[in-house]
Protein backbone atom coordinates (compact mmCIF):
# COMPACT_ATOMS: atom_id res chain seq x y z
CA UNK A 1 16.41 1.85 -69.79
CA UNK A 2 13.20 1.35 -71.69
CA UNK A 3 11.21 -1.84 -71.16
CA UNK A 4 11.61 -2.99 -74.75
CA UNK A 5 15.42 -3.40 -74.08
CA UNK A 6 14.66 -5.20 -70.75
CA UNK A 7 12.53 -7.80 -72.63
CA UNK A 8 13.81 -11.33 -72.84
CA UNK A 9 15.37 -12.34 -76.10
CA UNK A 10 13.78 -14.78 -78.41
CA UNK A 11 16.10 -17.83 -78.06
CA UNK A 12 16.35 -18.11 -81.76
CA UNK A 13 18.61 -14.87 -81.43
CA UNK A 14 21.47 -17.01 -80.03
CA UNK A 15 21.32 -20.12 -82.39
CA UNK A 16 19.40 -19.40 -85.57
CA UNK A 17 21.42 -17.37 -88.20
CA UNK A 18 18.26 -16.96 -90.38
CA UNK A 19 16.15 -15.23 -87.67
CA UNK A 20 16.10 -11.56 -87.77
CA UNK A 21 16.22 -9.90 -84.40
CA UNK A 22 14.03 -6.95 -83.65
CA UNK A 23 15.41 -3.83 -83.07
CA UNK A 24 14.64 -4.22 -79.44
CA UNK A 25 16.64 -7.53 -79.37
CA UNK A 26 19.42 -5.84 -81.25
CA UNK A 27 19.58 -3.20 -78.50
CA UNK A 28 19.56 -5.93 -75.86
CA UNK A 29 22.56 -7.52 -77.47
CA UNK A 30 24.08 -3.89 -77.81
CA UNK A 31 23.41 -3.31 -73.92
CA UNK A 32 24.71 -6.60 -72.73
CA UNK A 33 27.92 -6.25 -74.74
CA UNK A 34 28.42 -2.72 -73.74
CA UNK A 35 27.99 -3.59 -69.96
CA UNK A 36 30.68 -6.17 -70.16
CA UNK A 37 33.09 -3.98 -72.11
CA UNK A 38 32.75 -1.27 -69.58
CA UNK A 39 33.04 -3.66 -66.67
CA UNK A 40 36.29 -4.93 -68.06
CA UNK A 41 37.81 -1.42 -69.12
CA UNK A 42 36.94 0.32 -66.00
CA UNK A 43 39.90 -1.55 -64.41
CA UNK A 44 42.31 -0.22 -67.09
CA UNK A 45 41.16 2.94 -68.54
CA UNK A 46 44.81 4.34 -69.04
CA UNK A 47 46.71 2.01 -71.75
CA UNK A 48 50.37 2.46 -71.56
CA UNK A 49 53.27 1.62 -73.99
CA UNK A 50 56.74 2.66 -74.32
CA UNK A 51 56.47 3.17 -78.14
CA UNK A 52 53.00 3.83 -78.95
CA UNK A 53 50.36 6.44 -77.92
CA UNK A 54 47.88 3.80 -77.08
CA UNK A 55 44.86 6.04 -76.29
CA UNK A 56 45.49 8.09 -79.34
CA UNK A 57 45.64 5.23 -81.81
CA UNK A 58 42.55 3.52 -80.19
CA UNK A 59 40.39 6.46 -80.76
CA UNK A 60 41.69 6.89 -84.34
CA UNK A 61 41.38 3.23 -85.20
CA UNK A 62 37.74 2.99 -83.80
CA UNK A 63 36.50 6.04 -85.61
CA UNK A 64 38.30 4.49 -88.77
CA UNK A 65 36.27 1.15 -88.16
CA UNK A 66 33.12 3.19 -87.97
CA UNK A 67 33.84 4.75 -91.39
CA UNK A 68 35.05 1.66 -93.09
CA UNK A 69 33.73 -1.64 -91.53
CA UNK A 70 30.17 -1.77 -92.95
CA UNK A 71 31.28 -1.46 -96.61
CA UNK A 72 34.12 -3.76 -96.16
CA UNK A 73 31.79 -6.40 -94.70
CA UNK A 74 29.34 -5.77 -97.75
CA UNK A 75 32.22 -6.56 -100.12
CA UNK A 76 33.33 -9.76 -98.30
CA UNK A 77 29.85 -11.21 -97.94
CA UNK A 78 29.20 -10.82 -101.79
CA UNK A 79 31.81 -13.49 -102.01
CA UNK A 80 30.99 -15.65 -98.92
CA UNK A 81 28.62 -15.87 -96.01
CA UNK A 82 29.76 -15.39 -92.55
CA UNK A 83 29.21 -19.31 -91.99
CA UNK A 84 31.31 -20.02 -95.19
CA UNK A 85 34.11 -17.90 -93.88
CA UNK A 86 34.00 -19.43 -90.29
CA UNK A 87 34.02 -23.03 -91.57
CA UNK A 88 36.59 -22.68 -94.17
CA UNK A 89 39.16 -23.98 -91.82
CA UNK A 90 40.15 -24.78 -88.20
CA UNK A 91 38.45 -22.94 -85.26
CA UNK A 92 41.61 -22.04 -83.80
CA UNK A 93 45.05 -21.13 -84.91
CA UNK A 94 44.38 -18.25 -87.40
CA UNK A 95 43.80 -14.58 -87.46
CA UNK A 96 40.29 -15.28 -88.12
CA UNK A 97 40.05 -15.74 -84.41
CA UNK A 98 37.49 -15.45 -81.73
CA UNK A 99 39.18 -12.45 -80.40
CA UNK A 100 39.04 -10.70 -83.76
CA UNK A 101 35.48 -11.47 -84.28
CA UNK A 102 34.29 -10.42 -80.75
CA UNK A 103 36.15 -7.29 -81.15
CA UNK A 104 34.63 -6.12 -84.30
CA UNK A 105 31.17 -4.95 -83.14
CA UNK A 106 32.74 -3.67 -79.86
CA UNK A 107 35.42 -1.35 -81.69
CA UNK A 108 32.78 -0.54 -84.39
CA UNK A 109 30.26 0.68 -81.71
CA UNK A 110 32.86 2.48 -79.66
CA UNK A 111 33.52 4.50 -83.21
CA UNK A 112 30.04 5.31 -83.10
CA UNK A 113 30.09 6.62 -79.68
CA UNK A 114 33.12 8.74 -80.45
CA UNK A 115 31.59 10.52 -83.33
CA UNK A 116 28.44 11.15 -81.33
CA UNK A 117 30.50 12.63 -78.36
CA UNK A 118 32.51 14.75 -80.85
CA UNK A 119 29.32 16.15 -82.23
CA UNK A 120 29.85 14.70 -85.63
CA UNK A 121 26.93 12.44 -85.75
CA UNK A 122 23.55 12.02 -84.01
CA UNK A 123 22.32 8.57 -82.32
CA UNK A 124 19.70 8.31 -85.01
CA UNK A 125 22.33 8.21 -87.96
CA UNK A 126 23.75 5.08 -89.50
CA UNK A 127 21.35 2.26 -88.47
CA UNK A 128 21.59 0.25 -91.63
CA UNK A 129 25.42 0.32 -91.28
CA UNK A 130 25.29 -0.72 -87.72
CA UNK A 131 22.80 -3.54 -88.48
CA UNK A 132 25.41 -4.80 -91.27
CA UNK A 133 28.08 -5.12 -88.70
CA UNK A 134 25.84 -6.63 -86.09
CA UNK A 135 24.30 -9.24 -88.47
CA UNK A 136 27.84 -10.45 -89.69
CA UNK A 137 29.00 -10.73 -85.94
CA UNK A 138 25.81 -12.58 -84.85
CA UNK A 139 25.90 -15.15 -87.74
CA UNK A 140 29.62 -15.56 -87.66
CA UNK A 141 29.58 -15.94 -83.87
CA UNK A 142 26.71 -18.76 -84.16
CA UNK A 143 28.71 -20.52 -86.53
CA UNK A 144 32.01 -20.22 -84.61
CA UNK A 145 30.88 -21.20 -81.19
CA UNK A 146 29.82 -24.60 -79.92
CA UNK A 147 28.13 -23.49 -76.64
CA UNK A 148 24.99 -21.75 -78.08
CA UNK A 149 25.79 -18.16 -76.99
CA UNK A 150 26.86 -14.95 -78.30
CA UNK A 151 28.85 -13.61 -75.24
CA UNK A 152 31.38 -15.28 -73.05
CA UNK A 153 29.71 -14.06 -69.97
CA UNK A 154 26.43 -16.07 -70.84
CA UNK A 155 28.18 -19.39 -71.52
CA UNK A 156 28.33 -22.34 -68.94
CA UNK A 157 30.62 -22.06 -66.94
CA UNK A 158 30.17 -18.10 -66.78
CA UNK A 159 33.04 -16.28 -68.67
CA UNK A 160 34.05 -18.93 -70.97
CA UNK A 161 34.40 -19.58 -74.75
CA UNK A 162 34.14 -22.70 -76.73
CA UNK A 163 34.99 -23.00 -80.31
CA UNK A 164 36.71 -26.15 -80.75
CA UNK A 165 34.73 -29.28 -81.60
CA UNK A 166 34.93 -32.52 -79.39
CA UNK A 167 36.65 -34.25 -82.17
CA UNK A 168 39.31 -31.60 -82.28
CA UNK A 169 39.83 -31.56 -78.56
CA UNK A 170 40.38 -35.21 -78.66
CA UNK A 171 42.94 -34.70 -81.37
CA UNK A 172 44.80 -32.07 -79.34
CA UNK A 173 44.52 -33.97 -76.10
CA UNK A 174 46.09 -37.02 -77.75
CA UNK A 175 49.34 -35.26 -78.53
CA UNK A 176 49.85 -33.61 -75.16
CA UNK A 177 53.13 -34.36 -73.51
CA UNK A 178 53.78 -34.64 -69.54
CA UNK A 179 54.73 -31.41 -68.11
CA UNK A 180 58.21 -32.48 -66.72
CA UNK A 181 60.59 -29.74 -65.33
CA UNK A 182 62.40 -29.65 -68.98
CA UNK A 183 59.06 -29.34 -70.84
CA UNK A 184 57.82 -26.74 -68.39
CA UNK A 185 60.90 -24.50 -68.78
CA UNK A 186 60.79 -24.67 -72.68
CA UNK A 187 57.30 -23.91 -73.29
CA UNK A 188 57.37 -21.15 -70.70
CA UNK A 189 60.14 -19.65 -72.63
CA UNK A 190 58.57 -20.01 -75.71
CA UNK A 191 55.22 -18.66 -74.50
CA UNK A 192 56.86 -15.50 -73.02
CA UNK A 193 58.89 -14.74 -76.12
CA UNK A 194 56.03 -15.28 -78.57
CA UNK A 195 53.61 -13.29 -76.49
CA UNK A 196 56.09 -10.29 -76.16
CA UNK A 197 56.67 -10.48 -79.94
CA UNK A 198 52.99 -10.80 -80.67
CA UNK A 199 52.33 -7.74 -78.67
CA UNK A 200 55.10 -5.78 -80.32
CA UNK A 201 53.75 -6.84 -83.87
CA UNK A 202 50.42 -5.78 -83.06
CA UNK A 203 51.81 -2.21 -81.64
CA UNK A 204 51.15 -3.38 -77.88
CA UNK A 205 47.62 -4.56 -78.35
CA UNK A 206 46.45 -7.85 -77.64
CA UNK A 207 44.59 -8.77 -80.76
CA UNK A 208 47.11 -11.66 -81.77
CA UNK A 209 46.58 -13.55 -78.56
CA UNK A 210 43.26 -15.32 -78.06
CA UNK A 211 42.22 -17.58 -75.51
CA UNK A 212 39.26 -20.09 -75.50
CA UNK A 213 38.12 -22.74 -72.87
CA UNK A 214 37.85 -24.12 -70.43
CA UNK A 215 37.13 -27.24 -72.17
CA UNK A 216 35.92 -29.93 -69.63
CA UNK A 217 37.74 -33.14 -70.14
CA UNK A 218 35.31 -35.06 -67.83
CA UNK A 219 38.17 -36.26 -65.27
CA UNK A 220 38.54 -33.11 -62.96
CA UNK A 221 40.83 -31.58 -65.61
CA UNK A 222 40.15 -29.05 -68.52
CA UNK A 223 42.00 -27.93 -71.51
CA UNK A 224 42.86 -24.18 -72.23
CA UNK A 225 43.83 -23.08 -75.71
CA UNK A 226 45.99 -20.20 -76.40
CA UNK A 227 46.25 -19.01 -79.98
CA UNK A 228 49.17 -16.68 -80.87
CA UNK A 229 49.00 -15.59 -84.63
CA UNK A 230 51.83 -13.47 -85.80
CA UNK A 231 51.59 -11.80 -89.57
CA UNK A 232 52.55 -14.34 -91.90
CA UNK A 233 50.45 -12.85 -95.03
CA UNK A 234 52.32 -9.48 -95.50
CA UNK A 235 49.38 -7.49 -93.90
CA UNK A 236 51.56 -5.32 -91.68
CA UNK A 237 54.26 -3.50 -93.77
CA UNK A 238 56.45 -2.70 -90.62
CA UNK A 239 57.30 -6.30 -90.56
CA UNK A 240 58.63 -6.59 -94.18
CA UNK A 241 61.98 -8.38 -94.03
CA UNK A 242 61.31 -9.56 -90.47
CA UNK A 243 58.33 -11.76 -90.89
CA UNK A 244 60.12 -13.94 -93.25
CA UNK A 245 62.81 -14.84 -90.63
CA UNK A 246 60.13 -17.05 -88.69
CA UNK A 247 59.48 -20.59 -90.12
CA UNK A 248 55.93 -20.47 -88.66
CA UNK A 249 53.55 -17.73 -87.81
CA UNK A 250 50.45 -19.30 -86.29
CA UNK A 251 50.56 -21.12 -82.88
CA UNK A 252 48.26 -22.88 -80.61
CA UNK A 253 49.45 -23.81 -76.97
CA UNK A 254 47.28 -26.32 -75.17
CA UNK A 255 47.39 -26.71 -71.44
CA UNK A 256 45.66 -29.36 -69.44
CA UNK A 257 45.01 -27.97 -66.10
CA UNK A 258 43.18 -29.18 -62.88
CA UNK A 259 39.63 -28.03 -61.90
CA UNK A 260 41.50 -26.19 -58.99
CA UNK A 261 42.53 -23.69 -61.49
CA UNK A 262 40.12 -21.20 -62.55
CA UNK A 263 39.89 -19.71 -66.02
CA UNK A 264 37.84 -16.78 -66.87
CA UNK A 265 37.59 -15.32 -70.33
CA UNK A 266 36.42 -11.70 -70.80
CA UNK A 267 34.15 -10.42 -73.46
CA UNK A 268 36.73 -10.45 -76.28
CA UNK A 269 38.61 -13.46 -75.27
CA UNK A 270 41.61 -12.92 -72.98
CA UNK A 271 41.82 -15.45 -70.26
CA UNK A 272 42.56 -14.56 -66.64
CA UNK A 273 43.73 -17.59 -64.37
CA UNK A 274 43.55 -18.22 -60.64
CA UNK A 275 46.16 -18.76 -59.28
CA UNK A 276 47.83 -16.40 -61.61
CA UNK A 277 50.75 -18.84 -61.83
CA UNK A 278 48.82 -21.42 -63.48
CA UNK A 279 51.75 -22.67 -65.43
CA UNK A 280 53.02 -24.25 -62.25
CA UNK A 281 49.91 -26.25 -62.33
CA UNK A 282 49.90 -27.49 -65.84
CA UNK A 283 49.68 -31.34 -66.09
CA UNK A 284 50.18 -31.70 -69.88
CA UNK A 285 51.01 -29.17 -72.56
CA UNK A 286 51.94 -29.18 -76.40
CA UNK A 287 52.85 -26.42 -78.64
CA UNK A 288 51.28 -26.56 -82.19
CA UNK A 289 51.96 -24.84 -85.35
CA UNK A 290 48.82 -24.06 -87.56
CA UNK A 291 49.19 -23.97 -91.45
CA UNK A 292 46.68 -24.82 -94.12
CA UNK A 293 44.12 -25.96 -91.98
CA UNK A 294 45.98 -28.44 -89.94
CA UNK A 295 47.76 -28.53 -86.61
CA UNK A 296 51.11 -29.94 -86.35
CA UNK A 297 52.53 -30.82 -82.89
CA UNK A 298 55.90 -29.41 -82.44
CA UNK A 299 58.80 -31.44 -80.76
CA UNK A 300 60.69 -29.82 -77.87
CA UNK A 301 63.57 -29.25 -80.03
CA UNK A 302 61.68 -27.31 -82.52
CA UNK A 303 60.01 -25.36 -79.78
CA UNK A 304 63.41 -24.41 -78.60
CA UNK A 305 64.66 -23.46 -82.23
CA UNK A 306 61.47 -21.28 -82.79
CA UNK A 307 62.09 -19.58 -79.59
CA UNK A 308 65.45 -18.56 -80.85
CA UNK A 309 63.80 -17.43 -84.12
CA UNK A 310 61.39 -15.27 -82.18
CA UNK A 311 64.01 -13.80 -80.02
CA UNK A 312 65.89 -12.50 -83.02
CA UNK A 313 62.70 -11.17 -84.84
CA UNK A 314 61.51 -9.38 -81.80
CA UNK A 315 65.07 -7.53 -81.35
CA UNK A 316 64.92 -6.62 -84.99
CA UNK A 317 61.37 -5.31 -84.77
CA UNK A 318 61.90 -3.27 -81.59
CA UNK A 319 65.12 -1.66 -83.13
CA UNK A 320 63.04 -0.68 -86.43
CA UNK A 321 60.24 0.60 -84.34
CA UNK A 322 62.55 2.58 -82.01
CA UNK A 323 63.96 4.45 -84.90
CA UNK A 324 60.49 5.10 -86.54
CA UNK A 325 58.89 8.66 -86.38
CA UNK A 326 56.12 8.62 -83.51
CA UNK A 327 53.66 9.87 -85.94
CA UNK A 328 54.45 7.09 -88.37
CA UNK A 329 54.43 4.48 -85.46
CA UNK A 330 51.02 5.97 -84.58
CA UNK A 331 49.74 5.39 -88.18
CA UNK A 332 51.09 1.79 -87.93
CA UNK A 333 49.06 1.08 -84.74
CA UNK A 334 45.94 2.62 -86.21
CA UNK A 335 46.22 0.57 -89.32
CA UNK A 336 46.77 -2.63 -87.17
CA UNK A 337 43.72 -2.00 -85.08
CA UNK A 338 41.39 -1.08 -88.05
CA UNK A 339 42.64 -4.12 -90.35
CA UNK A 340 40.69 -6.96 -88.33
CA UNK A 341 39.00 -7.71 -91.56
CA UNK A 342 41.95 -8.46 -93.73
CA UNK A 343 42.08 -12.14 -92.44
CA UNK A 344 38.34 -12.42 -93.52
CA UNK A 345 38.88 -10.76 -96.78
CA UNK A 346 41.82 -13.09 -97.55
CA UNK A 347 39.55 -16.19 -96.99
CA UNK A 348 36.66 -14.69 -99.09
CA UNK A 349 39.09 -14.12 -101.89
CA UNK A 350 38.47 -10.29 -102.02
CA UNK A 351 41.32 -8.62 -100.49
CA UNK A 352 42.43 -6.70 -103.40
CA UNK A 353 38.84 -5.31 -103.91
CA UNK A 354 39.20 -3.50 -100.67
CA UNK A 355 40.72 -0.08 -100.21
CA UNK A 356 42.79 -0.72 -96.80
CA UNK A 357 44.11 2.76 -96.68
CA UNK A 358 43.22 4.93 -93.62
CA UNK A 359 40.65 7.80 -94.27
CA UNK A 360 42.44 11.14 -94.68
CA UNK A 361 40.17 12.50 -91.88
CA UNK A 362 41.61 9.96 -89.61
CA UNK A 363 45.17 10.38 -90.43
CA UNK A 364 44.98 14.17 -90.07
CA UNK A 365 43.15 13.82 -86.65
CA UNK A 366 46.58 12.76 -85.02
CA UNK A 367 47.13 16.57 -84.73
CA UNK A 368 44.12 16.55 -82.31
CA UNK A 369 44.35 13.16 -80.50
CA UNK A 370 47.99 13.09 -80.44
CA UNK A 371 47.43 15.24 -77.38
CA UNK A 372 47.54 12.88 -74.27
CA UNK A 373 44.99 14.91 -72.35
CA UNK A 374 42.47 15.05 -75.10
CA UNK A 375 42.81 11.39 -75.88
CA UNK A 376 42.30 10.21 -72.31
CA UNK A 377 39.44 12.40 -71.72
CA UNK A 378 37.55 10.68 -74.78
CA UNK A 379 38.59 7.39 -73.69
CA UNK A 380 37.37 7.85 -70.26
CA UNK A 381 34.23 9.28 -71.63
CA UNK A 382 33.38 6.48 -73.79
CA UNK A 383 34.88 3.31 -72.19
CA UNK A 384 33.59 4.28 -68.69
CA UNK A 385 30.77 6.76 -69.02
CA UNK A 386 29.43 7.83 -65.75
CA UNK A 387 25.60 8.27 -67.02
CA UNK A 388 25.03 4.82 -68.25
CA UNK A 389 25.67 1.30 -67.34
CA UNK A 390 27.53 0.23 -70.45
CA UNK A 391 29.64 1.72 -73.16
CA UNK A 392 27.00 1.77 -75.91
CA UNK A 393 23.79 3.63 -76.35
CA UNK A 394 20.87 1.98 -78.12
CA UNK A 395 21.01 2.03 -81.88
CA UNK A 396 18.22 3.47 -84.04
CA UNK A 397 17.30 6.28 -81.78
CA UNK A 398 18.32 8.58 -79.03
CA UNK A 399 16.93 6.61 -75.87
């Protein structure tokens, strides 16, 4: 690793959106993100799904990101700055979520690595496009986070993320309910049903489930916020006729937990709790629906009713996908994973100006990457490379 990459970051890189990092500073961020990405993915290089060839669609979608994300961001930022997009509504309870933002550069840079490994690009190519993506991510992250860092592993406590303001935390806490046996059972059933459905909507990916916290409440307890946002805008055509059966689509589940429970958030915003059965330790909880920039606390009866709606939608969607041709399902999944910017474009008011179709070269690549052995080999080489400490090589050169 070069000495320039090892150099300390100017503090303004983390907090000043108007500061332009040097190439060495950009590469420090790329290296740090790539290290954390590799560390997380080394534990699960094989992605499995009953319905979807996950290694195949991950490769195809990340290569599609590399082709399309820079221009889509240019169109979006002609209409609104990253800061305006972040501050246009609540920091929780929408598809413009922390997990969406954190995944943006990680997936894009993985696409770059895939093209280089396949011999289609060189490491020197595409610097301006790469900086377009990194600049948007950095500015939006500075605007979204309240803890003065860009990555969860640099936060305090380590592996945490904070996007909700103190005022919003106070608002949520004031509406929590004691976690008696009935409430516990009701929220457990709702959370399990909604999580399963959100994964199925997103082709067995976790992009609709975002965790932030722990938010220290100063009394030996903390708040953990889990956002589960389904497609209510018509982004996924495989949900036509099903999404309309759900009265609400965007949810936040708030849990107050004792400090004896540990909460760790990985680089893109998925939480792991110790002990794993953290729900058995919840002191208070509440389910909120998010719509129009407002959080509405749901009654326990509403939670019960919503669980029934979600159960029916899950059955209908599973039946539809099970009857869909595998190649068509793969296209759905590729679209899903490469459409992260749809939520941002809708906020910016330029959704219809963007071509959301998948590149013909990516569609045709299914014939190659649909082979599980080929897909797994590429995934392993990029996500857990043996010859470097992180997933990503420096931008702007071949070092």
